[in-house]
Amino acid sequence: MSIPNRTTLAQLRAMTAAEVARLPLDQLALLLDEVGDLKADAKRLGDLLHDALHVRFGEAATAARRAEGKDTGRVRLEQDGFEILADLPKKVRWDQPKLAEAIATLRGWGEDPADYVATELRVPEARFSAWPPRIRALFEPARTVAAGRPSYSLELKDPA
C-alpha cells in the first residue's frame, strides 16, 4: 500500500501519542507493520550477536568455570583490552510430585514445611470460571482481578 505524504518512522519518533492517534488508520497500519518488521529484525540481529559471542567465548568461559570448580555462574575473561562477563545461569526445575512427597515427609517428622519451602498456589482462570457457584464464592475473597495492558491491531477490511 503506497500512501502519499505518509508519516515515516523518523517523524513518528518526534510525535506525541495524541498526534499519532490523529493519523489516518491506513498510516497507523503501515507504521505498525514497519515497527513489527523492525522488532523481528532486531530480535534476529540480537540472536545473531548472542550466537557469535557464544562461538567466540563459549569454550573459554566453560574452561574458566571448570577451573573455578563450577558448571554454571559468572566468569570474567579478558581479551584485547575488554573484560568479558560470561554468565551461564542455573535453570533449576523442581519435580512437583516429588516435592509434595518431601513436604509430606517433613510434616511426618513434625517439621513445618514453611520453614524450608515457599509455596505459591495458583488457580487457572478457566477452571475458576467453570467451578460451581458455592466453590467460587469460597475462593473469591482471595482473588484480585486487574486489567492488563490493552492491545490493538488494525486489519484492512475487504470491500464487500
C-alpha atoms as a PDB file:
ATOM      1  CA  MET A   1       0.000   0.000   0.000  1.00  0.00           C
ATOM      2  CA  SER A   2       1.561   3.288  -1.088  1.00  0.00           C
ATOM      3  CA  ILE A   3       0.347   6.436   0.617  1.00  0.00           C
ATOM      4  CA  PRO A   4       1.494   9.873  -0.494  1.00  0.00           C
ATOM      5  CA  ASN A   5       2.790  12.103   2.304  1.00  0.00           C
ATOM      6  CA  ARG A   6       2.799   9.220   4.729  1.00  0.00           C
ATOM      7  CA  THR A   7       4.335   9.525   8.158  1.00  0.00           C
ATOM      8  CA  THR A   8       7.763   7.928   8.437  1.00  0.00           C
ATOM      9  CA  LEU A   9       9.231   6.220  11.469  1.00  0.00           C
ATOM     10  CA  ALA A  10      11.672   9.121  11.793  1.00  0.00           C
ATOM     11  CA  GLN A  11       8.728  11.523  12.023  1.00  0.00           C
ATOM     12  CA  LEU A  12       6.892   9.173  14.366  1.00  0.00           C
ATOM     13  CA  ARG A  13       9.774   9.336  16.858  1.00  0.00           C
ATOM     14  CA  ALA A  14       9.173  13.067  17.312  1.00  0.00           C
ATOM     15  CA  MET A  15       5.389  12.797  17.732  1.00  0.00           C
ATOM     16  CA  THR A  16       3.292  12.539  20.866  1.00  0.00           C
ATOM     17  CA  ALA A  17       0.756   9.763  21.373  1.00  0.00           C
ATOM     18  CA  ALA A  18      -2.045  12.284  20.817  1.00  0.00           C
ATOM     19  CA  GLU A  19      -0.552  13.336  17.474  1.00  0.00           C
ATOM     20  CA  VAL A  20      -0.094   9.735  16.399  1.00  0.00           C
ATOM     21  CA  ALA A  21      -3.677   8.957  17.409  1.00  0.00           C
ATOM     22  CA  ARG A  22      -4.905  11.531  14.879  1.00  0.00           C
ATOM     23  CA  LEU A  23      -3.139   9.849  11.945  1.00  0.00           C
ATOM     24  CA  PRO A  24      -5.318   8.107   9.363  1.00  0.00           C
ATOM     25  CA  LEU A  25      -5.771   4.408  10.095  1.00  0.00           C
ATOM     26  CA  ASP A  26      -4.043   3.358   6.877  1.00  0.00           C
ATOM     27  CA  GLN A  27      -0.915   5.188   8.044  1.00  0.00           C
ATOM     28  CA  LEU A  28      -1.161   3.678  11.521  1.00  0.00           C
ATOM     29  CA  ALA A  29      -1.445   0.217   9.959  1.00  0.00           C
ATOM     30  CA  LEU A  30       1.671   0.785   7.856  1.00  0.00           C
ATOM     31  CA  LEU A  31       3.597   2.121  10.836  1.00  0.00           C
ATOM     32  CA  LEU A  32       2.563  -0.888  12.927  1.00  0.00           C
ATOM     33  CA  ASP A  33       3.779  -3.196  10.155  1.00  0.00           C
ATOM     34  CA  GLU A  34       7.098  -1.355   9.965  1.00  0.00           C
ATOM     35  CA  VAL A  35       7.581  -1.498  13.724  1.00  0.00           C
ATOM     36  CA  GLY A  36       6.766  -5.217  13.679  1.00  0.00           C
ATOM     37  CA  ASP A  37       9.365  -5.752  10.965  1.00  0.00           C
ATOM     38  CA  LEU A  38      11.920  -3.753  12.967  1.00  0.00           C
ATOM     39  CA  LYS A  39      11.223  -5.800  16.103  1.00  0.00           C
ATOM     40  CA  ALA A  40      11.646  -9.056  14.196  1.00  0.00           C
ATOM     41  CA  ASP A  41      14.855  -7.794  12.601  1.00  0.00           C
ATOM     42  CA  ALA A  42      16.200  -6.550  15.938  1.00  0.00           C
ATOM     43  CA  LYS A  43      15.479  -9.946  17.502  1.00  0.00           C
ATOM     44  CA  ARG A  44      17.193 -11.751  14.643  1.00  0.00           C
ATOM     45  CA  LEU A  45      20.228  -9.469  14.905  1.00  0.00           C
ATOM     46  CA  GLY A  46      20.326  -9.804  18.695  1.00  0.00           C
ATOM     47  CA  ASP A  47      20.192 -13.594  18.384  1.00  0.00           C
ATOM     48  CA  LEU A  48      22.963 -13.491  15.781  1.00  0.00           C
ATOM     49  CA  LEU A  49      25.202 -11.411  18.062  1.00  0.00           C
ATOM     50  CA  HIS A  50      24.453 -13.686  21.018  1.00  0.00           C
ATOM     51  CA  ASP A  51      25.371 -16.749  18.955  1.00  0.00           C
ATOM     52  CA  ALA A  52      28.545 -15.042  17.720  1.00  0.00           C
ATOM     53  CA  LEU A  53      29.625 -14.215  21.277  1.00  0.00           C
ATOM     54  CA  HIS A  54      28.990 -17.816  22.285  1.00  0.00           C
ATOM     55  CA  VAL A  55      31.067 -19.084  19.360  1.00  0.00           C
ATOM     56  CA  ARG A  56      33.857 -16.688  20.283  1.00  0.00           C
ATOM     57  CA  PHE A  57      33.881 -17.060  24.076  1.00  0.00           C
ATOM     58  CA  GLY A  58      31.898 -20.198  24.931  1.00  0.00           C
ATOM     59  CA  GLU A  59      34.819 -22.604  25.182  1.00  0.00           C
ATOM     60  CA  ALA A  60      36.954 -20.164  27.165  1.00  0.00           C
ATOM     61  CA  ALA A  61      34.060 -19.480  29.541  1.00  0.00           C
ATOM     62  CA  THR A  62      33.466 -23.207  30.040  1.00  0.00           C
ATOM     63  CA  ALA A  63      37.165 -23.721  30.760  1.00  0.00           C
ATOM     64  CA  ALA A  64      37.187 -20.795  33.214  1.00  0.00           C
ATOM     65  CA  ARG A  65      34.171 -22.204  35.052  1.00  0.00           C
ATOM     66  CA  ARG A  66      35.782 -25.632  35.169  1.00  0.00           C
ATOM     67  CA  ALA A  67      38.963 -24.069  36.592  1.00  0.00           C
ATOM     68  CA  GLU A  68      36.832 -22.474  39.316  1.00  0.00           C
ATOM     69  CA  GLY A  69      35.140 -25.810  40.016  1.00  0.00           C
ATOM     70  CA  LYS A  70      31.689 -24.831  38.828  1.00  0.00           C
ATOM     71  CA  ASP A  71      29.346 -25.748  35.980  1.00  0.00           C
ATOM     72  CA  THR A  72      27.279 -22.567  35.976  1.00  0.00           C
ATOM     73  CA  GLY A  73      27.629 -18.966  37.050  1.00  0.00           C
ATOM     74  CA  ARG A  74      29.679 -15.952  36.048  1.00  0.00           C
ATOM     75  CA  VAL A  75      33.277 -15.854  34.944  1.00  0.00           C
ATOM     76  CA  ARG A  76      35.364 -12.982  33.684  1.00  0.00           C
ATOM     77  CA  LEU A  77      37.538 -13.244  30.618  1.00  0.00           C
ATOM     78  CA  GLU A  78      39.932 -10.677  29.193  1.00  0.00           C
ATOM     79  CA  GLN A  79      40.708 -10.089  25.560  1.00  0.00           C
ATOM     80  CA  ASP A  80      42.040  -7.137  23.583  1.00  0.00           C
ATOM     81  CA  GLY A  81      41.543  -4.673  26.438  1.00  0.00           C
ATOM     82  CA  PHE A  82      37.977  -5.821  27.129  1.00  0.00           C
ATOM     83  CA  GLU A  83      36.633  -7.666  30.117  1.00  0.00           C
ATOM     84  CA  ILE A  84      34.003 -10.162  29.049  1.00  0.00           C
ATOM     85  CA  LEU A  85      31.476 -11.253  31.633  1.00  0.00           C
ATOM     86  CA  ALA A  86      30.240 -14.708  30.657  1.00  0.00           C
ATOM     87  CA  ASP A  87      27.186 -15.809  32.594  1.00  0.00           C
ATOM     88  CA  LEU A  88      25.610 -19.244  32.453  1.00  0.00           C
ATOM     89  CA  PRO A  89      22.666 -19.073  34.859  1.00  0.00           C
ATOM     90  CA  LYS A  90      21.257 -22.091  36.617  1.00  0.00           C
ATOM     91  CA  LYS A  91      17.864 -23.265  35.456  1.00  0.00           C
ATOM     92  CA  VAL A  92      16.501 -25.202  38.379  1.00  0.00           C
ATOM     93  CA  ARG A  93      13.303 -27.155  37.897  1.00  0.00           C
ATOM     94  CA  TRP A  94      11.644 -28.934  40.779  1.00  0.00           C
ATOM     95  CA  ASP A  95       9.640 -32.111  40.246  1.00  0.00           C
ATOM     96  CA  GLN A  96       6.290 -31.163  41.777  1.00  0.00           C
ATOM     97  CA  PRO A  97       5.096 -34.653  42.804  1.00  0.00           C
ATOM     98  CA  LYS A  98       8.455 -35.386  44.456  1.00  0.00           C
ATOM     99  CA  LEU A  99       8.327 -32.037  46.253  1.00  0.00           C
ATOM    100  CA  ALA A 100       4.866 -32.903  47.548  1.00  0.00           C
ATOM    101  CA  GLU A 101       6.258 -36.203  48.868  1.00  0.00           C
ATOM    102  CA  ALA A 102       9.162 -34.411  50.549  1.00  0.00           C
ATOM    103  CA  ILE A 103       6.774 -31.918  52.160  1.00  0.00           C
ATOM    104  CA  ALA A 104       4.604 -34.770  53.429  1.00  0.00           C
ATOM    105  CA  THR A 105       7.721 -36.397  54.885  1.00  0.00           C
ATOM    106  CA  LEU A 106       8.655 -33.133  56.628  1.00  0.00           C
ATOM    107  CA  ARG A 107       5.184 -32.955  58.155  1.00  0.00           C
ATOM    108  CA  GLY A 108       5.539 -36.585  59.265  1.00  0.00           C
ATOM    109  CA  TRP A 109       8.744 -35.643  61.052  1.00  0.00           C
ATOM    110  CA  GLY A 110       6.907 -32.851  62.861  1.00  0.00           C
ATOM    111  CA  GLU A 111       8.653 -30.121  60.870  1.00  0.00           C
ATOM    112  CA  ASP A 112       6.900 -27.084  59.441  1.00  0.00           C
ATOM    113  CA  PRO A 113       7.409 -27.168  55.654  1.00  0.00           C
ATOM    114  CA  ALA A 114       7.069 -23.362  55.562  1.00  0.00           C
ATOM    115  CA  ASP A 115      10.486 -23.238  57.259  1.00  0.00           C
ATOM    116  CA  TYR A 116      12.004 -24.908  54.193  1.00  0.00           C
ATOM    117  CA  VAL A 117       9.896 -24.278  51.113  1.00  0.00           C
ATOM    118  CA  ALA A 118       7.878 -21.408  49.692  1.00  0.00           C
ATOM    119  CA  THR A 119       4.514 -22.400  48.354  1.00  0.00           C
ATOM    120  CA  GLU A 120       2.543 -20.455  45.788  1.00  0.00           C
ATOM    121  CA  LEU A 121      -0.918 -21.618  44.940  1.00  0.00           C
ATOM    122  CA  ARG A 122      -2.409 -20.695  41.574  1.00  0.00           C
ATOM    123  CA  VAL A 123      -5.875 -21.109  40.175  1.00  0.00           C
ATOM    124  CA  PRO A 124      -6.182 -21.208  36.387  1.00  0.00           C
ATOM    125  CA  GLU A 125      -8.890 -18.718  35.415  1.00  0.00           C
ATOM    126  CA  ALA A 126     -10.586 -21.199  33.080  1.00  0.00           C
ATOM    127  CA  ARG A 127     -11.007 -23.638  35.963  1.00  0.00           C
ATOM    128  CA  PHE A 128     -12.241 -20.925  38.309  1.00  0.00           C
ATOM    129  CA  SER A 129     -14.866 -19.887  35.769  1.00  0.00           C
ATOM    130  CA  ALA A 130     -16.094 -23.476  35.493  1.00  0.00           C
ATOM    131  CA  TRP A 131     -16.452 -24.062  39.244  1.00  0.00           C
ATOM    132  CA  PRO A 132     -19.866 -24.336  40.887  1.00  0.00           C
ATOM    133  CA  PRO A 133     -21.004 -21.040  42.491  1.00  0.00           C
ATOM    134  CA  ARG A 134     -20.570 -22.362  46.042  1.00  0.00           C
ATOM    135  CA  ILE A 135     -16.891 -23.178  45.467  1.00  0.00           C
ATOM    136  CA  ARG A 136     -16.271 -19.943  43.560  1.00  0.00           C
ATOM    137  CA  ALA A 137     -17.738 -17.983  46.479  1.00  0.00           C
ATOM    138  CA  LEU A 138     -15.282 -19.678  48.829  1.00  0.00           C
ATOM    139  CA  PHE A 139     -12.278 -18.580  46.750  1.00  0.00           C
ATOM    140  CA  GLU A 140     -13.445 -15.139  45.563  1.00  0.00           C
ATOM    141  CA  PRO A 141     -12.127 -13.261  48.631  1.00  0.00           C
ATOM    142  CA  ALA A 142      -8.609 -14.406  47.677  1.00  0.00           C
ATOM    143  CA  ARG A 143      -8.986 -13.343  44.031  1.00  0.00           C
ATOM    144  CA  THR A 144      -7.944  -9.960  42.666  1.00  0.00           C
ATOM    145  CA  VAL A 145      -8.539  -9.073  39.044  1.00  0.00           C
ATOM    146  CA  ALA A 146      -6.503  -6.335  37.392  1.00  0.00           C
ATOM    147  CA  ALA A 147      -6.541  -5.249  33.784  1.00  0.00           C
ATOM    148  CA  GLY A 148      -3.504  -5.903  31.654  1.00  0.00           C
ATOM    149  CA  ARG A 149      -2.048  -3.655  29.000  1.00  0.00           C
ATOM    150  CA  PRO A 150      -4.552  -3.056  26.211  1.00  0.00           C
ATOM    151  CA  SER A 151      -3.577  -4.164  22.742  1.00  0.00           C
ATOM    152  CA  TYR A 152      -4.907  -3.212  19.352  1.00  0.00           C
ATOM    153  CA  SER A 153      -4.416  -4.431  15.825  1.00  0.00           C
ATOM    154  CA  LEU A 154      -5.510  -2.922  12.555  1.00  0.00           C
ATOM    155  CA  GLU A 155      -6.755  -5.053   9.701  1.00  0.00           C
ATOM    156  CA  LEU A 156      -7.907  -3.666   6.401  1.00  0.00           C
ATOM    157  CA  LYS A 157     -11.399  -4.933   5.680  1.00  0.00           C
ATOM    158  CA  ASP A 158     -12.144  -6.330   2.253  1.00  0.00           C
ATOM    159  CA  PRO A 159     -14.627  -4.090   0.487  1.00  0.00           C
ATOM    160  CA  ALA A 160     -17.870  -6.022   0.249  1.00  0.00           C
END
